[in-house]
Amino acid sequence: MTVADENNSERPNRSVLLLGADATESKFKSEPLANFKILHFAVHGLSNPQFPDRAALILGRDPKSNDGGLLQFREIAQLSLSADLVTLSACDTATGKLEGEEGIDGLTEAFLLAGAKSVVGALWNVDDSATGTLMKDFYAHLANGEDKAAALRQAKLHYVLRIGDRAPAYWAAFTLVGDGSGPIIF
């Protein structure tokens, strides 16, 4: 999981990379999350359309903490975020229970409720290799000043052009929810 902190006046443009044993729920929660402009999770996701409050991102568990390693909907919704973008590079992170005009009740909504301006999530199980390629292109397009929606679209098109005739299951799962207009200033 990566968080990019561009609001920290002491260390502007600071990124935090939590890998392996450091990628715990408690370590994530201990960061000054309101300062981060981008949050990127490359983890496993759990979706439960019947019980959307049980949807979660699977992080590590710190034995010194009471956190169970599952960052669940209700915990996410209570975070204080101001991120321009949250990317959930994990299976089924844009799915959940359909709530009429309110939309889908799931992880993407939890991050929007917490204050994120936009969230990218997957509508089904995703392939790790294809997702890695797609995400690299997505961030390259963002770094070139494209708005979030255009960057995701271009990453998908670039994937199809580069890989060729590959089923949409490999490249079409990711969707953007929230404000896709405007670039992210790196």
C-alpha atoms as a PDB file:
ATOM      1  CA  MET A   1       0.000   0.000   0.000  1.00  0.00           C
ATOM      2  CA  THR A   2       1.297   3.458  -0.848  1.00  0.00           C
ATOM      3  CA  VAL A   3       0.202   6.811   0.478  1.00  0.00           C
ATOM      4  CA  ALA A   4       1.481  10.067  -0.996  1.00  0.00           C
ATOM      5  CA  ASP A   5       1.490  13.003   1.413  1.00  0.00           C
ATOM      6  CA  GLU A   6       1.630  16.327  -0.400  1.00  0.00           C
ATOM      7  CA  ASN A   7       0.124  18.475   2.346  1.00  0.00           C
ATOM      8  CA  ASN A   8       2.807  17.910   4.963  1.00  0.00           C
ATOM      9  CA  SER A   9       4.642  21.238   5.256  1.00  0.00           C
ATOM     10  CA  GLU A  10       7.600  19.623   7.033  1.00  0.00           C
ATOM     11  CA  ARG A  11       8.147  16.997   4.327  1.00  0.00           C
ATOM     12  CA  PRO A  12       6.223  17.934   1.156  1.00  0.00           C
ATOM     13  CA  ASN A  13       5.765  15.256  -1.499  1.00  0.00           C
ATOM     14  CA  ARG A  14       6.451  12.551   1.059  1.00  0.00           C
ATOM     15  CA  SER A  15       5.380   9.047   0.123  1.00  0.00           C
ATOM     16  CA  VAL A  16       4.938   6.199   2.534  1.00  0.00           C
ATOM     17  CA  LEU A  17       5.233   2.662   1.264  1.00  0.00           C
ATOM     18  CA  LEU A  18       3.918  -0.058   3.555  1.00  0.00           C
ATOM     19  CA  LEU A  19       5.081  -3.491   2.409  1.00  0.00           C
ATOM     20  CA  GLY A  20       5.100  -6.973   3.888  1.00  0.00           C
ATOM     21  CA  ALA A  21       5.016  -7.011   7.679  1.00  0.00           C
ATOM     22  CA  ASP A  22       4.689  -3.195   7.717  1.00  0.00           C
ATOM     23  CA  ALA A  23       1.442  -3.232   5.717  1.00  0.00           C
ATOM     24  CA  THR A  24      -0.739  -3.526   8.784  1.00  0.00           C
ATOM     25  CA  GLU A  25      -4.078  -1.970   9.546  1.00  0.00           C
ATOM     26  CA  SER A  26      -2.677  -0.247  12.646  1.00  0.00           C
ATOM     27  CA  LYS A  27       0.337   1.177  10.765  1.00  0.00           C
ATOM     28  CA  PHE A  28      -1.959   2.540   8.055  1.00  0.00           C
ATOM     29  CA  LYS A  29      -4.268   4.131  10.622  1.00  0.00           C
ATOM     30  CA  SER A  30      -1.289   5.680  12.445  1.00  0.00           C
ATOM     31  CA  GLU A  31      -0.374   7.811   9.415  1.00  0.00           C
ATOM     32  CA  PRO A  32      -1.671  11.405   9.142  1.00  0.00           C
ATOM     33  CA  LEU A  33      -4.257  10.299   6.574  1.00  0.00           C
ATOM     34  CA  ALA A  34      -5.871  13.728   6.176  1.00  0.00           C
ATOM     35  CA  ASN A  35      -2.593  14.943   4.645  1.00  0.00           C
ATOM     36  CA  PHE A  36      -2.390  12.415   1.856  1.00  0.00           C
ATOM     37  CA  LYS A  37      -3.464  13.338  -1.685  1.00  0.00           C
ATOM     38  CA  ILE A  38      -3.279   9.783  -3.036  1.00  0.00           C
ATOM     39  CA  LEU A  39      -3.889   6.462  -1.307  1.00  0.00           C
ATOM     40  CA  HIS A  40      -3.112   3.305  -3.275  1.00  0.00           C
ATOM     41  CA  PHE A  41      -3.970  -0.156  -1.963  1.00  0.00           C
ATOM     42  CA  ALA A  42      -2.567  -3.218  -3.756  1.00  0.00           C
ATOM     43  CA  VAL A  43      -4.113  -5.785  -1.424  1.00  0.00           C
ATOM     44  CA  HIS A  44      -6.918  -8.328  -1.349  1.00  0.00           C
ATOM     45  CA  GLY A  45     -10.487  -7.103  -1.106  1.00  0.00           C
ATOM     46  CA  LEU A  46     -13.589  -8.728   0.343  1.00  0.00           C
ATOM     47  CA  SER A  47     -17.061  -7.830  -0.842  1.00  0.00           C
ATOM     48  CA  ASN A  48     -20.353  -8.948   0.644  1.00  0.00           C
ATOM     49  CA  PRO A  49     -23.391  -7.584  -1.260  1.00  0.00           C
ATOM     50  CA  GLN A  50     -25.792  -8.898   1.392  1.00  0.00           C
ATOM     51  CA  PHE A  51     -23.846  -7.281   4.241  1.00  0.00           C
ATOM     52  CA  PRO A  52     -21.916  -4.322   2.756  1.00  0.00           C
ATOM     53  CA  ASP A  53     -20.625  -3.231   6.167  1.00  0.00           C
ATOM     54  CA  ARG A  54     -18.513  -6.426   6.147  1.00  0.00           C
ATOM     55  CA  ALA A  55     -16.671  -5.388   2.964  1.00  0.00           C
ATOM     56  CA  ALA A  56     -12.984  -4.985   3.746  1.00  0.00           C
ATOM     57  CA  LEU A  57      -9.445  -4.576   2.539  1.00  0.00           C
ATOM     58  CA  ILE A  58      -7.169  -7.290   3.900  1.00  0.00           C
ATOM     59  CA  LEU A  59      -4.098  -5.799   5.537  1.00  0.00           C
ATOM     60  CA  GLY A  60      -1.604  -7.305   7.930  1.00  0.00           C
ATOM     61  CA  ARG A  61      -2.291  -7.685  11.619  1.00  0.00           C
ATOM     62  CA  ASP A  62       0.057  -6.201  14.194  1.00  0.00           C
ATOM     63  CA  PRO A  63       0.108  -8.521  17.238  1.00  0.00           C
ATOM     64  CA  LYS A  64       0.646  -5.464  19.483  1.00  0.00           C
ATOM     65  CA  SER A  65      -2.624  -3.913  18.282  1.00  0.00           C
ATOM     66  CA  ASN A  66      -6.300  -4.683  18.711  1.00  0.00           C
ATOM     67  CA  ASP A  67      -6.845  -4.188  14.966  1.00  0.00           C
ATOM     68  CA  GLY A  68      -7.741  -7.441  13.221  1.00  0.00           C
ATOM     69  CA  GLY A  69      -6.094  -6.701   9.871  1.00  0.00           C
ATOM     70  CA  LEU A  70      -9.406  -6.136   8.082  1.00  0.00           C
ATOM     71  CA  LEU A  71     -10.006  -2.501   7.185  1.00  0.00           C
ATOM     72  CA  GLN A  72     -13.793  -2.672   7.039  1.00  0.00           C
ATOM     73  CA  PHE A  73     -16.430  -0.366   5.583  1.00  0.00           C
ATOM     74  CA  ARG A  74     -17.406   1.161   8.934  1.00  0.00           C
ATOM     75  CA  GLU A  75     -13.762   1.859   9.837  1.00  0.00           C
ATOM     76  CA  ILE A  76     -13.026   3.408   6.455  1.00  0.00           C
ATOM     77  CA  ALA A  77     -16.122   5.634   6.581  1.00  0.00           C
ATOM     78  CA  GLN A  78     -14.923   7.038   9.945  1.00  0.00           C
ATOM     79  CA  LEU A  79     -11.475   8.024   8.640  1.00  0.00           C
ATOM     80  CA  SER A  80     -10.754  11.687   7.985  1.00  0.00           C
ATOM     81  CA  LEU A  81      -9.465  11.914   4.417  1.00  0.00           C
ATOM     82  CA  SER A  82      -8.941  14.681   1.916  1.00  0.00           C
ATOM     83  CA  ALA A  83      -7.379  12.516  -0.788  1.00  0.00           C
ATOM     84  CA  ASP A  84      -7.883  13.500  -4.414  1.00  0.00           C
ATOM     85  CA  LEU A  85      -7.665   9.808  -5.313  1.00  0.00           C
ATOM     86  CA  VAL A  86      -7.956   6.450  -3.589  1.00  0.00           C
ATOM     87  CA  THR A  87      -7.039   3.485  -5.772  1.00  0.00           C
ATOM     88  CA  LEU A  88      -8.245   0.077  -4.642  1.00  0.00           C
ATOM     89  CA  SER A  89      -6.116  -2.244  -6.756  1.00  0.00           C
ATOM     90  CA  ALA A  90      -7.908  -5.321  -5.471  1.00  0.00           C
ATOM     91  CA  CYS A  91     -10.711  -7.680  -6.466  1.00  0.00           C
ATOM     92  CA  ASP A  92     -14.364  -6.664  -6.085  1.00  0.00           C
ATOM     93  CA  THR A  93     -13.677  -3.277  -4.500  1.00  0.00           C
ATOM     94  CA  ALA A  94     -16.305  -1.397  -6.545  1.00  0.00           C
ATOM     95  CA  THR A  95     -19.055  -3.905  -5.825  1.00  0.00           C
ATOM     96  CA  GLY A  96     -21.607  -4.074  -3.041  1.00  0.00           C
ATOM     97  CA  LYS A  97     -25.277  -3.757  -2.341  1.00  0.00           C
ATOM     98  CA  LEU A  98     -27.335  -1.662  -4.751  1.00  0.00           C
ATOM     99  CA  GLU A  99     -29.169   0.995  -2.727  1.00  0.00           C
ATOM    100  CA  GLY A 100     -31.430   2.601  -5.365  1.00  0.00           C
ATOM    101  CA  GLU A 101     -30.579   6.226  -6.127  1.00  0.00           C
ATOM    102  CA  GLU A 102     -27.821   6.137  -3.511  1.00  0.00           C
ATOM    103  CA  GLY A 103     -25.772   3.775  -5.654  1.00  0.00           C
ATOM    104  CA  ILE A 104     -23.593   0.901  -4.507  1.00  0.00           C
ATOM    105  CA  ASP A 105     -23.012   0.446  -0.788  1.00  0.00           C
ATOM    106  CA  GLY A 106     -19.434  -0.853  -0.630  1.00  0.00           C
ATOM    107  CA  LEU A 107     -15.773   0.067  -0.242  1.00  0.00           C
ATOM    108  CA  THR A 108     -15.788   2.865  -2.828  1.00  0.00           C
ATOM    109  CA  GLU A 109     -18.655   4.553  -0.981  1.00  0.00           C
ATOM    110  CA  ALA A 110     -16.845   4.141   2.349  1.00  0.00           C
ATOM    111  CA  PHE A 111     -13.842   6.088   1.043  1.00  0.00           C
ATOM    112  CA  LEU A 112     -16.086   8.793  -0.417  1.00  0.00           C
ATOM    113  CA  LEU A 113     -17.870   9.082   2.948  1.00  0.00           C
ATOM    114  CA  ALA A 114     -14.459   9.454   4.597  1.00  0.00           C
ATOM    115  CA  GLY A 115     -13.704  12.471   2.390  1.00  0.00           C
ATOM    116  CA  ALA A 116     -11.942  11.098  -0.700  1.00  0.00           C
ATOM    117  CA  LYS A 117     -12.820  12.999  -3.866  1.00  0.00           C
ATOM    118  CA  SER A 118     -12.598   9.955  -6.147  1.00  0.00           C
ATOM    119  CA  VAL A 119     -12.048   6.225  -5.842  1.00  0.00           C
ATOM    120  CA  VAL A 120     -10.917   3.677  -8.423  1.00  0.00           C
ATOM    121  CA  GLY A 121     -12.084   0.132  -7.711  1.00  0.00           C
ATOM    122  CA  ALA A 122     -12.675  -3.187  -9.469  1.00  0.00           C
ATOM    123  CA  LEU A 123     -16.050  -4.591 -10.464  1.00  0.00           C
ATOM    124  CA  TRP A 124     -14.837  -8.225 -10.384  1.00  0.00           C
ATOM    125  CA  ASN A 125     -11.825 -10.442  -9.616  1.00  0.00           C
ATOM    126  CA  VAL A 126      -8.732  -9.081 -11.336  1.00  0.00           C
ATOM    127  CA  ASP A 127      -5.523 -10.588 -12.660  1.00  0.00           C
ATOM    128  CA  ASP A 128      -2.441  -9.397 -10.716  1.00  0.00           C
ATOM    129  CA  SER A 129      -0.144  -9.020 -13.715  1.00  0.00           C
ATOM    130  CA  ALA A 130      -2.704  -7.227 -15.888  1.00  0.00           C
ATOM    131  CA  THR A 131      -3.656  -4.971 -12.981  1.00  0.00           C
ATOM    132  CA  GLY A 132      -0.023  -4.043 -12.324  1.00  0.00           C
ATOM    133  CA  THR A 133       0.449  -3.067 -15.960  1.00  0.00           C
ATOM    134  CA  LEU A 134      -2.800  -1.095 -16.018  1.00  0.00           C
ATOM    135  CA  MET A 135      -1.966   0.770 -12.787  1.00  0.00           C
ATOM    136  CA  LYS A 136       1.505   1.773 -14.005  1.00  0.00           C
ATOM    137  CA  ASP A 137      -0.052   3.280 -17.113  1.00  0.00           C
ATOM    138  CA  PHE A 138      -2.811   4.947 -15.075  1.00  0.00           C
ATOM    139  CA  TYR A 139      -0.281   6.739 -12.871  1.00  0.00           C
ATOM    140  CA  ALA A 140       1.900   7.636 -15.867  1.00  0.00           C
ATOM    141  CA  HIS A 141      -1.102   9.355 -17.464  1.00  0.00           C
ATOM    142  CA  LEU A 142      -1.896  11.129 -14.184  1.00  0.00           C
ATOM    143  CA  ALA A 143       1.725  12.293 -13.955  1.00  0.00           C
ATOM    144  CA  ASN A 144       1.364  13.729 -17.478  1.00  0.00           C
ATOM    145  CA  GLY A 145      -1.429  15.981 -16.221  1.00  0.00           C
ATOM    146  CA  GLU A 146      -4.475  14.090 -17.472  1.00  0.00           C
ATOM    147  CA  ASP A 147      -7.606  14.164 -15.352  1.00  0.00           C
ATOM    148  CA  LYS A 148      -8.415  11.002 -13.385  1.00  0.00           C
ATOM    149  CA  ALA A 149     -11.154   9.729 -15.711  1.00  0.00           C
ATOM    150  CA  ALA A 150      -9.101  10.317 -18.865  1.00  0.00           C
ATOM    151  CA  ALA A 151      -6.026   8.714 -17.275  1.00  0.00           C
ATOM    152  CA  LEU A 152      -7.956   5.534 -16.447  1.00  0.00           C
ATOM    153  CA  ARG A 153      -9.505   5.416 -19.918  1.00  0.00           C
ATOM    154  CA  GLN A 154      -6.136   5.939 -21.608  1.00  0.00           C
ATOM    155  CA  ALA A 155      -4.517   3.244 -19.458  1.00  0.00           C
ATOM    156  CA  LYS A 156      -7.194   0.780 -20.572  1.00  0.00           C
ATOM    157  CA  LEU A 157      -6.801   1.741 -24.238  1.00  0.00           C
ATOM    158  CA  HIS A 158      -3.024   1.512 -23.992  1.00  0.00           C
ATOM    159  CA  TYR A 159      -3.327  -1.954 -22.431  1.00  0.00           C
ATOM    160  CA  VAL A 160      -5.551  -3.181 -25.274  1.00  0.00           C
ATOM    161  CA  LEU A 161      -3.229  -1.717 -27.928  1.00  0.00           C
ATOM    162  CA  ARG A 162      -0.124  -3.203 -26.319  1.00  0.00           C
ATOM    163  CA  ILE A 163      -1.464  -6.636 -25.382  1.00  0.00           C
ATOM    164  CA  GLY A 164      -3.829  -7.147 -28.295  1.00  0.00           C
ATOM    165  CA  ASP A 165      -6.920  -9.306 -28.350  1.00  0.00           C
ATOM    166  CA  ARG A 166      -7.283 -10.051 -24.652  1.00  0.00           C
ATOM    167  CA  ALA A 167     -10.628 -10.497 -22.930  1.00  0.00           C
ATOM    168  CA  PRO A 168     -12.065  -7.421 -21.162  1.00  0.00           C
ATOM    169  CA  ALA A 169     -11.834  -9.383 -17.899  1.00  0.00           C
ATOM    170  CA  TYR A 170      -8.140  -8.411 -17.894  1.00  0.00           C
ATOM    171  CA  TRP A 171      -8.462  -4.663 -18.449  1.00  0.00           C
ATOM    172  CA  ALA A 172     -12.049  -3.444 -18.000  1.00  0.00           C
ATOM    173  CA  ALA A 173     -12.731  -4.170 -14.306  1.00  0.00           C
ATOM    174  CA  PHE A 174     -11.615  -0.815 -12.948  1.00  0.00           C
ATOM    175  CA  THR A 175     -14.055   2.051 -12.664  1.00  0.00           C
ATOM    176  CA  LEU A 176     -13.803   5.526 -11.210  1.00  0.00           C
ATOM    177  CA  VAL A 177     -16.406   6.740  -8.725  1.00  0.00           C
ATOM    178  CA  GLY A 178     -16.630  10.371  -7.633  1.00  0.00           C
ATOM    179  CA  ASP A 179     -15.003  13.401  -9.239  1.00  0.00           C
ATOM    180  CA  GLY A 180     -12.989  12.281 -12.252  1.00  0.00           C
ATOM    181  CA  SER A 181     -12.388  15.764 -13.580  1.00  0.00           C
ATOM    182  CA  GLY A 182      -9.231  17.703 -13.028  1.00  0.00           C
ATOM    183  CA  PRO A 183      -5.668  16.479 -12.783  1.00  0.00           C
ATOM    184  CA  ILE A 184      -3.781  15.601  -9.627  1.00  0.00           C
ATOM    185  CA  ILE A 185      -0.872  17.924  -8.995  1.00  0.00           C
ATOM    186  CA  PHE A 186       2.210  15.827  -8.176  1.00  0.00           C
END
